[in-house]
């Protein structure tokens, strides 16, 4: 028997299942939440990902499932497909212990296949808002027997614009339900949602920034936009991570970086919203089994990502605020293990870095890129005129100066050549006037040799110009 979980009120069947999966001690969020949830009370929990919050709501749900009743008794709403799959897999590890069943419902899958599965005895549904509403409108799922409802990653859910969908789903569940709201941060939108739909909840706060970042080695690599890709490759080759997540700000940047890393011979793939669901699932399956070493991902696609063995997080594009930084960094160092988070910072990113450091309450260690053939960092602290890229401005100025000087010399030579041509033409005129009847033939010869005369004049003019410059 798992005494620590048993003391919280968890049944022996579930504590034994936890022990088989190597879980013996509850995390702080589990220790604080489980007693309230077993008593049937609503909860409002602030906790970062990586603190064990999934088990905090899954264990009480499983303990209260009536396996004899063939109806959806618990609903878990998540913002992304990947998180829905992840939670479903965690439930599947424990559900056989109590004879319950679970189904993930999300977009990108065959809706007819989901409909067939929903006709069976499904006790727990883990769903994204859009696909769940699709089933509700088709009348292929019934929520009238839902006794427990979880809104996971509520801040991300509302950031993605799902508030109307979430509210519509809540309206179609019984008012007597137990509601659990979990969020990494507490913006005003999340507070309003909790106030409107939770009844006198237990307010549980886990100091996520301390828990998530504890045991994670964090530092900044000072570089430039131009050198960033090479700096990342150099860092990965130095670190030799077991599993790593590289964060990019956009889908396009993730795709381009993946191509560059592949060309460098790295075991890498991408994860973002433009991939088909089948491709996303295949990528995650390979990453979880360590067949894939490096995952290049956007923030939304990797939200709530929980993969055992991630040793490194690389912020290729700097997060825009401390909350995003904590979410990204929390992919490593999970469940008390060690991890490393590296953030690449160009001069233009200084304001974001300052915002992150203020948000997490600590200054991050600075390191140079140390790339072969480059200056130690290619980056200077800003002076009164603002940030500069080391040496770049002077090189450009020198280059423009040389080109400008060359153009000036060419214009001078051209002017002297025109003057020489004019003098040669005047000599020819004088010659024609002094020779009478031979003027026409001499003029014709002069025309044939005008190029030669011009070149001679140009040479004289150029020598004259050089002579004057010499003086």
Protein backbone atom coordinates (compact mmCIF):
# COMPACT_ATOMS: atom_id res chain seq x y z
CA UNK A 1 0.00 0.00 0.00
CA UNK A 2 1.14 3.55 -0.80
CA UNK A 3 0.82 5.10 2.68
CA UNK A 4 1.33 8.75 1.63
CA UNK A 5 -1.53 8.70 -0.89
CA UNK A 6 -3.64 6.48 1.35
CA UNK A 7 -3.36 9.16 4.06
CA UNK A 8 -4.94 11.63 1.60
CA UNK A 9 -7.92 9.30 1.17
CA UNK A 10 -7.00 7.49 -2.06
CA UNK A 11 -8.26 3.90 -2.33
CA UNK A 12 -5.78 0.98 -2.16
CA UNK A 13 -6.49 -0.06 -5.78
CA UNK A 14 -5.27 3.32 -7.00
CA UNK A 15 -2.36 3.64 -4.58
CA UNK A 16 -1.12 0.22 -5.72
CA UNK A 17 -1.38 1.33 -9.36
CA UNK A 18 0.60 4.47 -8.53
CA UNK A 19 3.31 2.43 -6.86
CA UNK A 20 3.59 0.17 -9.93
CA UNK A 21 4.34 3.30 -11.96
CA UNK A 22 6.97 4.47 -9.49
CA UNK A 23 4.86 7.15 -7.76
CA UNK A 24 5.10 6.96 -3.97
CA UNK A 25 4.93 10.53 -2.66
CA UNK A 26 2.36 13.22 -3.51
CA UNK A 27 3.55 16.58 -4.80
CA UNK A 28 2.47 19.79 -2.99
CA UNK A 29 -0.40 20.44 -5.41
CA UNK A 30 -1.65 16.87 -4.98
CA UNK A 31 -1.38 17.00 -1.18
CA UNK A 32 -3.35 20.26 -1.03
CA UNK A 33 -5.98 19.53 -3.70
CA UNK A 34 -6.94 15.87 -3.25
CA UNK A 35 -8.65 16.17 0.17
CA UNK A 36 -10.86 19.03 -1.07
CA UNK A 37 -11.71 17.20 -4.29
CA UNK A 38 -12.60 13.97 -2.49
CA UNK A 39 -14.99 15.97 -0.31
CA UNK A 40 -16.77 17.24 -3.44
CA UNK A 41 -15.72 20.87 -3.13
CA UNK A 42 -14.92 23.12 -6.12
CA UNK A 43 -11.27 24.12 -6.39
CA UNK A 44 -9.42 27.01 -7.99
CA UNK A 45 -5.77 25.97 -8.34
CA UNK A 46 -2.84 28.04 -9.51
CA UNK A 47 -0.01 25.68 -10.35
CA UNK A 48 2.58 25.48 -13.10
CA UNK A 49 2.83 22.50 -15.40
CA UNK A 50 5.30 19.92 -14.15
CA UNK A 51 4.02 20.03 -10.56
CA UNK A 52 1.83 16.92 -10.76
CA UNK A 53 -1.50 18.69 -11.17
CA UNK A 54 -2.84 16.10 -13.65
CA UNK A 55 -2.82 13.40 -10.97
CA UNK A 56 -4.28 15.92 -8.53
CA UNK A 57 -7.60 15.88 -10.41
CA UNK A 58 -7.37 12.45 -12.07
CA UNK A 59 -7.13 10.44 -8.82
CA UNK A 60 -10.31 11.92 -7.23
CA UNK A 61 -12.18 11.52 -10.55
CA UNK A 62 -11.23 7.84 -10.85
CA UNK A 63 -12.08 7.18 -7.22
CA UNK A 64 -15.62 8.51 -7.74
CA UNK A 65 -16.42 6.82 -11.06
CA UNK A 66 -19.26 4.32 -10.96
CA UNK A 67 -18.05 1.68 -13.44
CA UNK A 68 -21.53 0.10 -13.60
CA UNK A 69 -23.10 3.28 -15.02
CA UNK A 70 -22.62 3.61 -18.77
CA UNK A 71 -22.54 7.38 -19.06
CA UNK A 72 -20.02 10.23 -19.26
CA UNK A 73 -19.45 11.07 -15.59
CA UNK A 74 -16.36 13.30 -15.85
CA UNK A 75 -15.29 15.86 -18.45
CA UNK A 76 -11.82 17.37 -18.78
CA UNK A 77 -11.44 20.34 -21.16
CA UNK A 78 -7.97 21.19 -22.49
CA UNK A 79 -6.76 23.89 -24.93
CA UNK A 80 -4.70 21.62 -27.23
CA UNK A 81 -4.85 18.20 -28.83
CA UNK A 82 -1.45 17.23 -27.46
CA UNK A 83 -2.52 17.97 -23.90
CA UNK A 84 -5.76 16.01 -24.39
CA UNK A 85 -3.77 12.99 -25.61
CA UNK A 86 -1.28 13.35 -22.77
CA UNK A 87 -3.94 13.45 -20.04
CA UNK A 88 -5.76 10.52 -21.64
CA UNK A 89 -2.59 8.42 -21.59
CA UNK A 90 -2.07 9.21 -17.90
CA UNK A 91 -5.63 8.17 -17.09
CA UNK A 92 -5.24 4.92 -19.04
CA UNK A 93 -2.38 3.92 -16.73
CA UNK A 94 -4.67 4.04 -13.68
CA UNK A 95 -8.21 3.50 -15.02
CA UNK A 96 -8.07 -0.35 -15.15
CA UNK A 97 -7.59 -0.39 -11.39
CA UNK A 98 -11.17 0.85 -10.93
CA UNK A 99 -12.71 -0.51 -14.14
CA UNK A 100 -13.29 2.86 -15.80
CA UNK A 101 -12.83 3.93 -19.44
CA UNK A 102 -11.59 7.14 -21.04
CA UNK A 103 -11.81 8.70 -24.52
CA UNK A 104 -9.91 11.62 -26.04
CA UNK A 105 -12.08 13.83 -28.27
CA UNK A 106 -10.24 16.40 -30.41
CA UNK A 107 -10.09 17.79 -33.92
CA UNK A 108 -8.08 16.22 -36.72
CA UNK A 109 -9.47 12.75 -35.99
CA UNK A 110 -12.19 10.90 -37.89
CA UNK A 111 -15.41 12.20 -36.32
CA UNK A 112 -17.32 9.05 -37.30
CA UNK A 113 -14.85 6.92 -35.39
CA UNK A 114 -15.29 9.12 -32.34
CA UNK A 115 -19.07 8.81 -32.62
CA UNK A 116 -18.83 5.00 -32.62
CA UNK A 117 -16.65 5.05 -29.51
CA UNK A 118 -18.96 7.50 -27.73
CA UNK A 119 -21.82 5.01 -28.13
CA UNK A 120 -19.94 2.62 -25.87
CA UNK A 121 -19.41 2.82 -22.14
CA UNK A 122 -17.18 5.89 -21.81
CA UNK A 123 -16.89 7.22 -18.27
CA UNK A 124 -14.34 10.03 -18.78
CA UNK A 125 -14.01 12.33 -21.80
CA UNK A 126 -10.91 14.49 -22.35
CA UNK A 127 -11.72 17.04 -25.04
CA UNK A 128 -10.74 20.21 -26.83
CA UNK A 129 -13.55 22.82 -26.94
CA UNK A 130 -14.14 22.91 -30.70
CA UNK A 131 -14.56 19.19 -31.31
CA UNK A 132 -16.63 18.74 -28.13
CA UNK A 133 -19.08 21.42 -29.30
CA UNK A 134 -19.24 19.68 -32.68
CA UNK A 135 -20.41 16.48 -30.94
CA UNK A 136 -22.87 18.40 -28.78
CA UNK A 137 -24.45 19.97 -31.87
CA UNK A 138 -24.59 16.58 -33.57
CA UNK A 139 -26.18 15.19 -30.39
CA UNK A 140 -23.57 12.43 -30.33
CA UNK A 141 -22.49 13.08 -26.73
CA UNK A 142 -24.56 13.65 -23.61
CA UNK A 143 -23.23 15.67 -20.66
CA UNK A 144 -26.33 15.48 -18.47
CA UNK A 145 -24.69 12.92 -16.15
CA UNK A 146 -21.40 14.76 -15.75
CA UNK A 147 -20.65 15.06 -12.04
CA UNK A 148 -17.08 16.39 -12.27
CA UNK A 149 -15.68 18.92 -14.73
CA UNK A 150 -12.07 20.09 -15.09
CA UNK A 151 -10.89 23.18 -16.98
CA UNK A 152 -7.16 22.59 -17.41
CA UNK A 153 -4.67 25.28 -18.46
CA UNK A 154 -7.44 27.87 -18.13
CA UNK A 155 -5.17 30.83 -18.87
CA UNK A 156 -4.04 29.31 -22.15
CA UNK A 157 -7.62 28.35 -22.99
CA UNK A 158 -8.77 31.95 -22.70
CA UNK A 159 -5.66 33.31 -24.42
CA UNK A 160 -6.61 31.19 -27.43
CA UNK A 161 -10.09 32.73 -27.51
CA UNK A 162 -12.04 29.71 -26.24
CA UNK A 163 -14.08 31.57 -23.61
CA UNK A 164 -17.39 31.47 -25.60
CA UNK A 165 -16.95 27.73 -26.28
CA UNK A 166 -16.10 26.97 -22.66
CA UNK A 167 -19.13 28.89 -21.42
CA UNK A 168 -21.42 27.06 -23.86
CA UNK A 169 -20.06 23.70 -22.67
CA UNK A 170 -20.53 24.67 -19.02
CA UNK A 171 -24.15 25.61 -19.70
CA UNK A 172 -24.80 22.09 -21.01
CA UNK A 173 -23.57 20.36 -17.85
CA UNK A 174 -25.54 20.01 -14.60
CA UNK A 175 -25.40 22.97 -12.22
CA UNK A 176 -24.75 20.51 -9.39
CA UNK A 177 -21.43 19.39 -10.89
CA UNK A 178 -18.11 19.72 -9.08
CA UNK A 179 -15.90 22.17 -11.00
CA UNK A 180 -12.10 22.22 -10.91
CA UNK A 181 -10.17 25.05 -12.54
CA UNK A 182 -6.41 24.75 -12.97
CA UNK A 183 -4.29 27.60 -14.29
CA UNK A 184 -0.58 28.41 -14.36
CA UNK A 185 -1.27 32.14 -14.09
CA UNK A 186 -4.18 34.22 -12.83
CA UNK A 187 -5.08 36.96 -15.31
CA UNK A 188 -8.33 38.85 -14.79
CA UNK A 189 -10.13 36.73 -17.40
CA UNK A 190 -9.43 33.54 -15.41
CA UNK A 191 -10.51 35.17 -12.14
CA UNK A 192 -13.80 36.26 -13.72
CA UNK A 193 -14.42 32.75 -15.06
CA UNK A 194 -13.79 31.25 -11.63
CA UNK A 195 -16.05 33.78 -9.91
CA UNK A 196 -18.90 33.10 -12.34
CA UNK A 197 -18.83 29.30 -12.51
CA UNK A 198 -17.24 28.03 -9.27
CA UNK A 199 -19.19 27.87 -6.02
CA UNK A 200 -17.14 28.94 -2.97
CA UNK A 201 -14.03 27.11 -4.22
CA UNK A 202 -11.00 26.15 -2.20
CA UNK A 203 -8.33 28.59 -3.37
CA UNK A 204 -5.02 26.73 -3.71
CA UNK A 205 -1.83 28.52 -4.76
CA UNK A 206 1.38 26.68 -5.53
CA UNK A 207 4.28 29.05 -6.10
CA UNK A 208 4.96 27.76 -9.57
CA UNK A 209 7.94 29.92 -10.50
CA UNK A 210 9.93 28.54 -7.56
CA UNK A 211 8.82 24.93 -8.04
CA UNK A 212 9.11 24.85 -11.81
CA UNK A 213 12.51 26.54 -11.99
CA UNK A 214 14.07 24.82 -8.99
CA UNK A 215 16.79 22.42 -10.08
CA UNK A 216 16.93 23.89 -13.62
CA UNK A 217 20.20 25.44 -14.73
CA UNK A 218 19.33 28.63 -16.61
CA UNK A 219 21.51 30.96 -18.61
CA UNK A 220 21.51 33.34 -21.58
CA UNK A 221 23.61 33.07 -24.74
CA UNK A 222 24.39 36.54 -26.09
CA UNK A 223 24.43 36.44 -29.88
CA UNK A 224 23.04 38.20 -32.95
CA UNK A 225 20.15 37.31 -35.24
CA UNK A 226 22.62 36.38 -37.97
CA UNK A 227 24.70 34.10 -35.71
CA UNK A 228 21.81 32.63 -33.69
CA UNK A 229 21.34 29.48 -35.76
CA UNK A 230 25.03 28.63 -35.65
CA UNK A 231 25.08 29.38 -31.90
CA UNK A 232 22.19 26.94 -31.34
CA UNK A 233 23.89 24.19 -33.34
CA UNK A 234 27.15 24.76 -31.48
CA UNK A 235 25.34 24.62 -28.12
CA UNK A 236 23.47 21.40 -28.96
CA UNK A 237 26.72 19.78 -30.07
CA UNK A 238 28.32 20.82 -26.77
CA UNK A 239 25.40 19.74 -24.55
CA UNK A 240 24.54 16.46 -26.32
CA UNK A 241 21.03 16.42 -24.79
CA UNK A 242 19.11 13.20 -24.26
CA UNK A 243 15.85 14.91 -25.28
CA UNK A 244 15.50 18.61 -26.09
CA UNK A 245 12.73 21.04 -27.00
CA UNK A 246 13.62 24.09 -29.11
CA UNK A 247 11.04 26.88 -28.96
CA UNK A 248 10.28 29.18 -31.89
CA UNK A 249 7.79 32.03 -31.94
CA UNK A 250 6.03 31.14 -35.20
CA UNK A 251 5.21 28.08 -37.29
CA UNK A 252 7.29 29.38 -40.22
CA UNK A 253 10.37 29.88 -38.05
CA UNK A 254 9.93 26.42 -36.54
CA UNK A 255 9.75 24.87 -39.99
CA UNK A 256 12.82 26.71 -41.30
CA UNK A 257 14.88 25.91 -38.22
CA UNK A 258 13.92 22.23 -38.43
CA UNK A 259 15.13 22.13 -42.04
CA UNK A 260 18.43 23.75 -41.02
CA UNK A 261 19.02 21.29 -38.17
CA UNK A 262 18.14 18.34 -40.42
CA UNK A 263 20.65 19.59 -42.99
CA UNK A 264 23.22 19.58 -40.18
CA UNK A 265 22.53 15.90 -39.57
CA UNK A 266 20.54 16.21 -36.35
CA UNK A 267 17.72 13.87 -35.26
CA UNK A 268 14.97 16.50 -35.25
CA UNK A 269 11.34 17.09 -36.18
CA UNK A 270 8.79 19.89 -35.82
CA UNK A 271 5.55 20.33 -33.88
CA UNK A 272 3.12 23.12 -34.77
CA UNK A 273 -0.43 23.80 -35.87
CA UNK A 274 0.16 23.36 -39.62
CA UNK A 275 0.83 19.63 -39.25
CA UNK A 276 -1.93 17.09 -39.73
CA UNK A 277 -3.16 15.37 -36.60
CA UNK A 278 -1.68 12.07 -37.75
CA UNK A 279 1.71 13.71 -38.22
CA UNK A 280 1.56 15.43 -34.83
CA UNK A 281 0.73 12.16 -33.09
CA UNK A 282 3.55 10.36 -34.90
CA UNK A 283 6.05 13.08 -33.93
CA UNK A 284 4.99 12.94 -30.27
CA UNK A 285 5.10 9.13 -30.25
CA UNK A 286 8.67 9.19 -31.58
CA UNK A 287 9.69 11.90 -29.11
CA UNK A 288 8.19 10.10 -26.10
CA UNK A 289 9.97 6.88 -27.06
CA UNK A 290 13.26 8.79 -27.58
CA UNK A 291 13.41 7.79 -31.26
CA UNK A 292 13.44 11.54 -31.86
CA UNK A 293 16.04 13.58 -29.99
CA UNK A 294 15.14 17.20 -30.73
CA UNK A 295 11.66 18.69 -31.04
CA UNK A 296 11.28 22.16 -32.58
CA UNK A 297 7.95 23.53 -31.38
CA UNK A 298 5.76 26.60 -31.07
CA UNK A 299 4.38 27.65 -27.67
CA UNK A 300 0.79 26.62 -28.40
CA UNK A 301 1.67 23.16 -29.73
CA UNK A 302 3.93 22.38 -26.77
CA UNK A 303 1.65 23.81 -24.08
CA UNK A 304 1.40 21.38 -21.17
CA UNK A 305 3.83 18.98 -22.87
CA UNK A 306 4.91 16.38 -20.31
CA UNK A 307 7.55 14.01 -21.62
CA UNK A 308 9.82 12.11 -19.29
CA UNK A 309 13.51 12.60 -19.98
CA UNK A 310 13.61 16.13 -21.45
CA UNK A 311 17.04 17.33 -20.34
CA UNK A 312 17.28 20.62 -22.24
CA UNK A 313 15.05 23.49 -23.34
CA UNK A 314 16.40 25.97 -25.89
CA UNK A 315 14.57 29.28 -26.30
CA UNK A 316 15.68 29.96 -29.87
CA UNK A 317 13.22 32.89 -29.92
CA UNK A 318 13.07 34.62 -26.56
CA UNK A 319 9.71 34.39 -24.74
CA UNK A 320 7.78 37.65 -24.60
CA UNK A 321 7.15 37.58 -20.85
CA UNK A 322 7.98 35.75 -17.63
CA UNK A 323 4.88 33.54 -17.79
CA UNK A 324 5.85 32.14 -21.19
CA UNK A 325 9.41 31.69 -19.96
CA UNK A 326 8.22 29.65 -16.99
CA UNK A 327 5.92 27.54 -19.18
CA UNK A 328 8.74 26.76 -21.60
CA UNK A 329 11.37 26.14 -18.94
CA UNK A 330 8.98 23.82 -17.13
CA UNK A 331 9.28 21.24 -19.93
CA UNK A 332 12.55 20.15 -18.30
CA UNK A 333 13.47 19.51 -14.67
CA UNK A 334 10.12 17.82 -14.05
CA UNK A 335 9.24 15.72 -11.00
CA UNK A 336 12.31 16.93 -9.12
CA UNK A 337 14.82 16.01 -11.85
CA UNK A 338 17.60 18.27 -13.13
CA UNK A 339 17.38 20.21 -16.38
CA UNK A 340 18.94 23.01 -18.41
CA UNK A 341 17.24 26.00 -20.06
CA UNK A 342 19.19 28.12 -22.56
CA UNK A 343 17.83 31.39 -23.96
CA UNK A 344 19.37 33.01 -27.04
CA UNK A 345 19.29 36.80 -26.84
CA UNK A 346 20.09 39.29 -29.58
CA UNK A 347 20.56 43.02 -28.83
CA UNK A 348 16.98 43.78 -29.88
CA UNK A 349 15.70 41.29 -27.25
CA UNK A 350 17.08 43.17 -24.23
CA UNK A 351 13.70 44.57 -23.15
CA UNK A 352 12.15 41.08 -23.16
CA UNK A 353 15.05 39.71 -21.14
CA UNK A 354 14.65 42.46 -18.54
CA UNK A 355 10.92 41.71 -18.33
CA UNK A 356 11.60 37.99 -17.79
CA UNK A 357 14.20 38.65 -15.09
CA UNK A 358 11.85 40.99 -13.27
CA UNK A 359 9.05 38.42 -13.49
CA UNK A 360 11.08 35.49 -12.11
CA UNK A 361 12.89 37.67 -9.59
CA UNK A 362 16.43 36.77 -10.59
CA UNK A 363 19.12 37.82 -13.05
CA UNK A 364 20.08 35.13 -15.55
CA UNK A 365 23.71 34.29 -16.11
CA UNK A 366 25.14 35.70 -19.36
CA UNK A 367 27.42 33.66 -21.60
CA UNK A 368 28.97 34.31 -24.98
CA UNK A 369 28.28 32.12 -28.00
CA UNK A 370 32.00 31.21 -28.34
CA UNK A 371 31.64 30.33 -31.99
CA UNK A 372 34.77 29.43 -33.97
CA UNK A 373 35.90 32.32 -36.18
CA UNK A 374 33.66 34.88 -34.46
CA UNK A 375 34.18 37.40 -31.71
CA UNK A 376 33.44 35.93 -28.27
CA UNK A 377 29.86 37.10 -28.30
CA UNK A 378 29.34 39.37 -31.30
CA UNK A 379 27.33 41.50 -28.86
CA UNK A 380 28.12 44.58 -26.79
CA UNK A 381 26.47 46.09 -23.79
CA UNK A 382 24.59 49.20 -24.98
CA UNK A 383 26.18 52.61 -24.65
CA UNK A 384 24.40 55.96 -24.66
CA UNK A 385 23.40 55.47 -28.30
CA UNK A 386 21.75 52.08 -27.67
CA UNK A 387 22.78 48.49 -28.47
CA UNK A 388 25.32 47.83 -31.22
CA UNK A 389 26.59 44.76 -33.00
CA UNK A 390 30.29 44.57 -32.40
CA UNK A 391 32.41 45.77 -35.32
CA UNK A 392 29.61 45.62 -37.89
CA UNK A 393 29.02 49.36 -38.21
CA UNK A 394 32.69 50.19 -38.77
CA UNK A 395 33.03 47.55 -41.48
CA UNK A 396 30.02 48.90 -43.32
CA UNK A 397 31.27 52.47 -43.07
CA UNK A 398 34.71 51.46 -44.34
CA UNK A 399 33.09 49.58 -47.20
CA UNK A 400 30.88 52.50 -48.19
CA UNK A 401 33.85 54.85 -47.89
CA UNK A 402 35.98 52.80 -50.27
CA UNK A 403 33.17 52.50 -52.79
CA UNK A 404 32.48 56.23 -52.58
CA UNK A 405 36.18 57.01 -53.11
CA UNK A 406 36.32 54.73 -56.14
CA UNK A 407 33.27 56.41 -57.66
CA UNK A 408 34.85 59.84 -57.07
CA UNK A 409 38.01 58.77 -58.90
CA UNK A 410 35.96 57.41 -61.82
CA UNK A 411 34.07 60.72 -62.14
CA UNK A 412 37.34 62.65 -62.10
CA UNK A 413 38.82 60.43 -64.84
CA UNK A 414 35.67 60.86 -66.92
CA UNK A 415 35.83 64.67 -66.69
CA UNK A 416 39.51 64.68 -67.73
CA UNK A 417 38.71 62.34 -70.66
CA UNK A 418 36.01 64.74 -71.93
CA UNK A 419 38.43 67.67 -71.68
CA UNK A 420 41.06 65.70 -73.62
CA UNK A 421 38.50 64.89 -76.35
CA UNK A 422 37.58 68.57 -76.64
CA UNK A 423 41.25 69.61 -77.08
CA UNK A 424 41.78 66.88 -79.72
CA UNK A 425 38.68 68.08 -81.59
CA UNK A 426 39.94 71.68 -81.62
CA UNK A 427 43.29 70.55 -83.04
CA UNK A 428 41.50 68.69 -85.83
CA UNK A 429 39.48 71.81 -86.68
CA UNK A 430 42.63 73.90 -86.95
CA UNK A 431 44.21 71.27 -89.16
CA UNK A 432 41.22 71.29 -91.55
CA UNK A 433 41.25 75.05 -91.92
CA UNK A 434 44.96 75.18 -92.83
CA UNK A 435 45.00 72.38 -95.50
CA UNK A 436 42.32 73.42 -98.02
CA UNK A 437 41.23 70.71 -100.52
CA UNK A 438 42.51 67.84 -98.42
CA UNK A 439 40.25 68.72 -95.60
CA UNK A 440 37.57 66.11 -96.41
CA UNK A 441 39.93 63.15 -96.66
CA UNK A 442 41.82 64.21 -93.55
CA UNK A 443 38.52 64.66 -91.77
CA UNK A 444 37.53 61.11 -92.78
CA UNK A 445 40.80 59.77 -91.46
CA UNK A 446 40.27 61.77 -88.34
CA UNK A 447 36.87 60.12 -87.90
CA UNK A 448 38.37 56.68 -88.34
CA UNK A 449 41.01 57.46 -85.78
CA UNK A 450 38.78 59.47 -83.46
CA UNK A 451 38.90 56.64 -80.92
CA UNK A 452 42.69 56.79 -80.98
CA UNK A 453 42.69 60.56 -80.65
CA UNK A 454 40.18 60.30 -77.81
CA UNK A 455 42.30 57.73 -76.03
CA UNK A 456 45.39 59.87 -76.43
CA UNK A 457 43.51 62.85 -75.09
CA UNK A 458 42.16 60.77 -72.24
CA UNK A 459 45.67 59.63 -71.40
CA UNK A 460 46.91 63.21 -71.43
CA UNK A 461 43.93 64.29 -69.36
CA UNK A 462 44.43 61.53 -66.86
CA UNK A 463 48.12 62.28 -66.52
CA UNK A 464 47.21 65.90 -66.01
CA UNK A 465 44.73 64.97 -63.33
CA UNK A 466 47.25 62.78 -61.58
CA UNK A 467 49.83 65.53 -61.86
CA UNK A 468 47.51 68.08 -60.27
CA UNK A 469 46.59 65.65 -57.50
CA UNK A 470 50.30 65.00 -56.95
CA UNK A 471 50.92 68.70 -56.55
